């Protein structure tokens, strides 16, 4: 994983996202230059996690309140 993917400025892009947001690398998530695969993989993981939380909480719009992943 790129060290840039661990930086707050990358992680903060996911704060406030909900299951109704697209959460797509290159669209609403800026990919890291030279770390496209890491950026896309992390974005997919976050999208899946938000969907899982939505199902587990039976809430149609859970949001990430802190980028701690």
N, C-alpha and C. Protein backbone atom coordinates (compact mmCIF):
# COMPACT_ATOMS: atom_id res chain seq x y z
N UNK A 1 0.85 -1.16 0.00
CA UNK A 1 0.00 0.00 0.00
C UNK A 1 0.90 1.24 0.00
N UNK A 2 0.50 2.20 -0.75
CA UNK A 2 1.22 3.47 -0.80
C UNK A 2 1.17 4.17 0.55
N UNK A 3 2.29 4.78 0.93
CA UNK A 3 2.29 5.52 2.19
C UNK A 3 1.37 6.73 2.11
N UNK A 4 1.16 7.26 0.91
CA UNK A 4 0.24 8.40 0.75
C UNK A 4 -1.19 8.02 1.08
N UNK A 5 -1.54 6.76 0.91
CA UNK A 5 -2.90 6.30 1.21
C UNK A 5 -3.17 6.32 2.71
N UNK A 6 -2.12 6.35 3.49
CA UNK A 6 -2.27 6.39 4.95
C UNK A 6 -2.42 7.81 5.47
N UNK A 7 -2.18 8.79 4.62
CA UNK A 7 -2.24 10.19 5.05
C UNK A 7 -3.68 10.67 5.25
N UNK A 8 -3.82 11.59 6.19
CA UNK A 8 -5.14 12.10 6.55
C UNK A 8 -5.87 12.72 5.36
N UNK A 9 -5.15 13.43 4.50
CA UNK A 9 -5.83 14.10 3.38
C UNK A 9 -6.50 13.11 2.44
N UNK A 10 -5.95 11.90 2.30
CA UNK A 10 -6.61 10.87 1.49
C UNK A 10 -7.78 10.28 2.25
N UNK A 11 -7.55 9.91 3.51
CA UNK A 11 -8.60 9.28 4.32
C UNK A 11 -9.80 10.19 4.55
N UNK A 12 -9.57 11.48 4.68
CA UNK A 12 -10.65 12.43 4.95
C UNK A 12 -11.68 12.50 3.83
N UNK A 13 -11.32 12.05 2.65
CA UNK A 13 -12.28 12.04 1.54
C UNK A 13 -13.48 11.15 1.82
N UNK A 14 -13.31 10.21 2.73
CA UNK A 14 -14.37 9.25 3.03
C UNK A 14 -15.27 9.69 4.17
N UNK A 15 -14.86 10.69 4.91
CA UNK A 15 -15.66 11.17 6.03
C UNK A 15 -17.00 11.71 5.53
N UNK A 16 -18.07 11.29 6.16
CA UNK A 16 -19.40 11.75 5.78
C UNK A 16 -20.05 10.97 4.66
N UNK A 17 -19.36 10.00 4.11
CA UNK A 17 -19.94 9.20 3.02
C UNK A 17 -21.02 8.27 3.59
N UNK A 18 -22.04 8.04 2.80
CA UNK A 18 -23.11 7.15 3.22
C UNK A 18 -23.35 6.11 2.14
N UNK A 19 -24.24 5.19 2.44
CA UNK A 19 -24.53 4.12 1.49
C UNK A 19 -25.19 4.63 0.21
N UNK A 20 -25.65 5.86 0.21
CA UNK A 20 -26.25 6.42 -1.01
C UNK A 20 -25.23 7.15 -1.87
N UNK A 21 -24.02 7.34 -1.35
CA UNK A 21 -22.96 7.98 -2.14
C UNK A 21 -22.31 6.95 -3.06
N UNK A 22 -21.83 7.42 -4.20
CA UNK A 22 -21.19 6.52 -5.17
C UNK A 22 -19.89 5.92 -4.60
N UNK A 23 -19.08 6.71 -3.94
CA UNK A 23 -17.78 6.31 -3.40
C UNK A 23 -16.97 5.58 -4.47
N UNK A 24 -16.58 6.29 -5.48
CA UNK A 24 -15.83 5.73 -6.61
C UNK A 24 -14.52 6.48 -6.81
N UNK A 25 -13.45 5.71 -6.93
CA UNK A 25 -12.13 6.30 -7.19
C UNK A 25 -12.14 6.98 -8.55
N UNK A 26 -11.66 8.19 -8.58
CA UNK A 26 -11.62 8.95 -9.82
C UNK A 26 -12.84 9.82 -10.03
N UNK A 27 -13.92 9.52 -9.31
CA UNK A 27 -15.14 10.34 -9.41
C UNK A 27 -15.22 11.26 -8.20
N UNK A 28 -15.67 10.73 -7.08
CA UNK A 28 -15.77 11.56 -5.87
C UNK A 28 -14.62 11.32 -4.90
N UNK A 29 -13.72 10.41 -5.24
CA UNK A 29 -12.51 10.17 -4.45
C UNK A 29 -11.31 10.41 -5.37
N UNK A 30 -10.46 11.34 -4.98
CA UNK A 30 -9.27 11.66 -5.77
C UNK A 30 -8.24 10.56 -5.56
N UNK A 31 -7.79 9.95 -6.66
CA UNK A 31 -6.80 8.88 -6.56
C UNK A 31 -5.41 9.48 -6.35
N UNK A 32 -4.56 8.70 -5.74
CA UNK A 32 -3.19 9.12 -5.47
C UNK A 32 -2.35 8.82 -6.70
N UNK A 33 -1.65 9.83 -7.18
CA UNK A 33 -0.79 9.66 -8.34
C UNK A 33 0.28 8.61 -8.02
N UNK A 34 0.41 7.61 -8.88
CA UNK A 34 1.39 6.55 -8.67
C UNK A 34 0.90 5.44 -7.75
N UNK A 35 -0.31 5.57 -7.25
CA UNK A 35 -0.87 4.55 -6.36
C UNK A 35 -2.32 4.29 -6.70
N UNK A 36 -2.58 4.19 -7.98
CA UNK A 36 -3.95 4.01 -8.46
C UNK A 36 -4.58 2.73 -7.92
N UNK A 37 -3.82 1.65 -7.91
CA UNK A 37 -4.38 0.38 -7.45
C UNK A 37 -4.73 0.47 -5.96
N UNK A 38 -3.84 1.05 -5.16
CA UNK A 38 -4.13 1.22 -3.73
C UNK A 38 -5.35 2.09 -3.53
N UNK A 39 -5.43 3.20 -4.26
CA UNK A 39 -6.56 4.11 -4.14
C UNK A 39 -7.87 3.41 -4.47
N UNK A 40 -7.87 2.66 -5.56
CA UNK A 40 -9.08 1.96 -5.97
C UNK A 40 -9.46 0.86 -4.97
N UNK A 41 -8.47 0.13 -4.48
CA UNK A 41 -8.73 -0.95 -3.53
C UNK A 41 -9.30 -0.41 -2.22
N UNK A 42 -8.72 0.66 -1.72
CA UNK A 42 -9.22 1.26 -0.48
C UNK A 42 -10.63 1.78 -0.69
N UNK A 43 -10.88 2.40 -1.82
CA UNK A 43 -12.21 2.94 -2.12
C UNK A 43 -13.25 1.82 -2.17
N UNK A 44 -12.91 0.72 -2.79
CA UNK A 44 -13.82 -0.42 -2.86
C UNK A 44 -14.09 -0.95 -1.44
N UNK A 45 -13.04 -1.05 -0.64
CA UNK A 45 -13.20 -1.52 0.74
C UNK A 45 -14.10 -0.63 1.57
N UNK A 46 -13.93 0.67 1.42
CA UNK A 46 -14.78 1.61 2.15
C UNK A 46 -16.22 1.49 1.69
N UNK A 47 -16.43 1.40 0.38
CA UNK A 47 -17.80 1.26 -0.14
C UNK A 47 -18.46 0.00 0.41
N UNK A 48 -17.72 -1.09 0.47
CA UNK A 48 -18.26 -2.35 1.01
C UNK A 48 -18.55 -2.23 2.51
N UNK A 49 -17.65 -1.58 3.23
CA UNK A 49 -17.84 -1.42 4.67
C UNK A 49 -19.08 -0.58 4.97
N UNK A 50 -19.28 0.49 4.23
CA UNK A 50 -20.46 1.34 4.42
C UNK A 50 -21.73 0.55 4.12
N UNK A 51 -21.70 -0.26 3.07
CA UNK A 51 -22.87 -1.08 2.72
C UNK A 51 -23.15 -2.10 3.83
N UNK A 52 -22.10 -2.71 4.36
CA UNK A 52 -22.27 -3.69 5.43
C UNK A 52 -22.85 -3.05 6.69
N UNK A 53 -22.33 -1.91 7.06
CA UNK A 53 -22.85 -1.20 8.23
C UNK A 53 -24.33 -0.86 8.01
N UNK A 54 -24.67 -0.46 6.80
CA UNK A 54 -26.05 -0.14 6.48
C UNK A 54 -26.96 -1.34 6.72
N UNK A 55 -26.51 -2.49 6.29
CA UNK A 55 -27.31 -3.71 6.46
C UNK A 55 -27.38 -4.10 7.93
N UNK A 56 -26.25 -4.06 8.61
CA UNK A 56 -26.22 -4.47 10.01
C UNK A 56 -27.04 -3.56 10.91
N UNK A 57 -27.05 -2.30 10.62
CA UNK A 57 -27.82 -1.36 11.44
C UNK A 57 -29.25 -1.17 10.93
N UNK A 58 -29.52 -1.77 9.79
CA UNK A 58 -30.83 -1.62 9.15
C UNK A 58 -31.20 -0.14 9.00
N UNK A 59 -30.21 0.61 8.67
CA UNK A 59 -30.36 2.05 8.46
C UNK A 59 -30.01 2.31 7.00
N UNK A 60 -30.82 3.08 6.33
CA UNK A 60 -30.58 3.30 4.91
C UNK A 60 -29.43 4.26 4.63
N UNK A 61 -28.98 5.04 5.62
CA UNK A 61 -27.92 5.99 5.36
C UNK A 61 -26.92 6.13 6.51
N UNK A 62 -26.16 5.08 6.82
CA UNK A 62 -25.11 5.29 7.81
C UNK A 62 -23.99 6.12 7.19
N UNK A 63 -23.34 6.94 7.97
CA UNK A 63 -22.25 7.75 7.44
C UNK A 63 -20.99 7.51 8.25
N UNK A 64 -19.88 7.71 7.59
CA UNK A 64 -18.61 7.63 8.29
C UNK A 64 -18.40 8.96 9.00
N UNK A 65 -18.24 8.92 10.29
CA UNK A 65 -18.06 10.16 11.03
C UNK A 65 -16.59 10.45 11.28
N UNK A 66 -15.74 9.46 11.16
CA UNK A 66 -14.31 9.68 11.33
C UNK A 66 -13.56 8.73 10.41
N UNK A 67 -12.53 9.24 9.80
CA UNK A 67 -11.74 8.41 8.89
C UNK A 67 -10.67 7.67 9.68
N UNK A 68 -11.09 6.64 10.39
CA UNK A 68 -10.16 5.84 11.20
C UNK A 68 -10.17 4.41 10.68
N UNK A 69 -9.47 4.19 9.62
CA UNK A 69 -9.37 2.84 9.07
C UNK A 69 -8.00 2.62 8.56
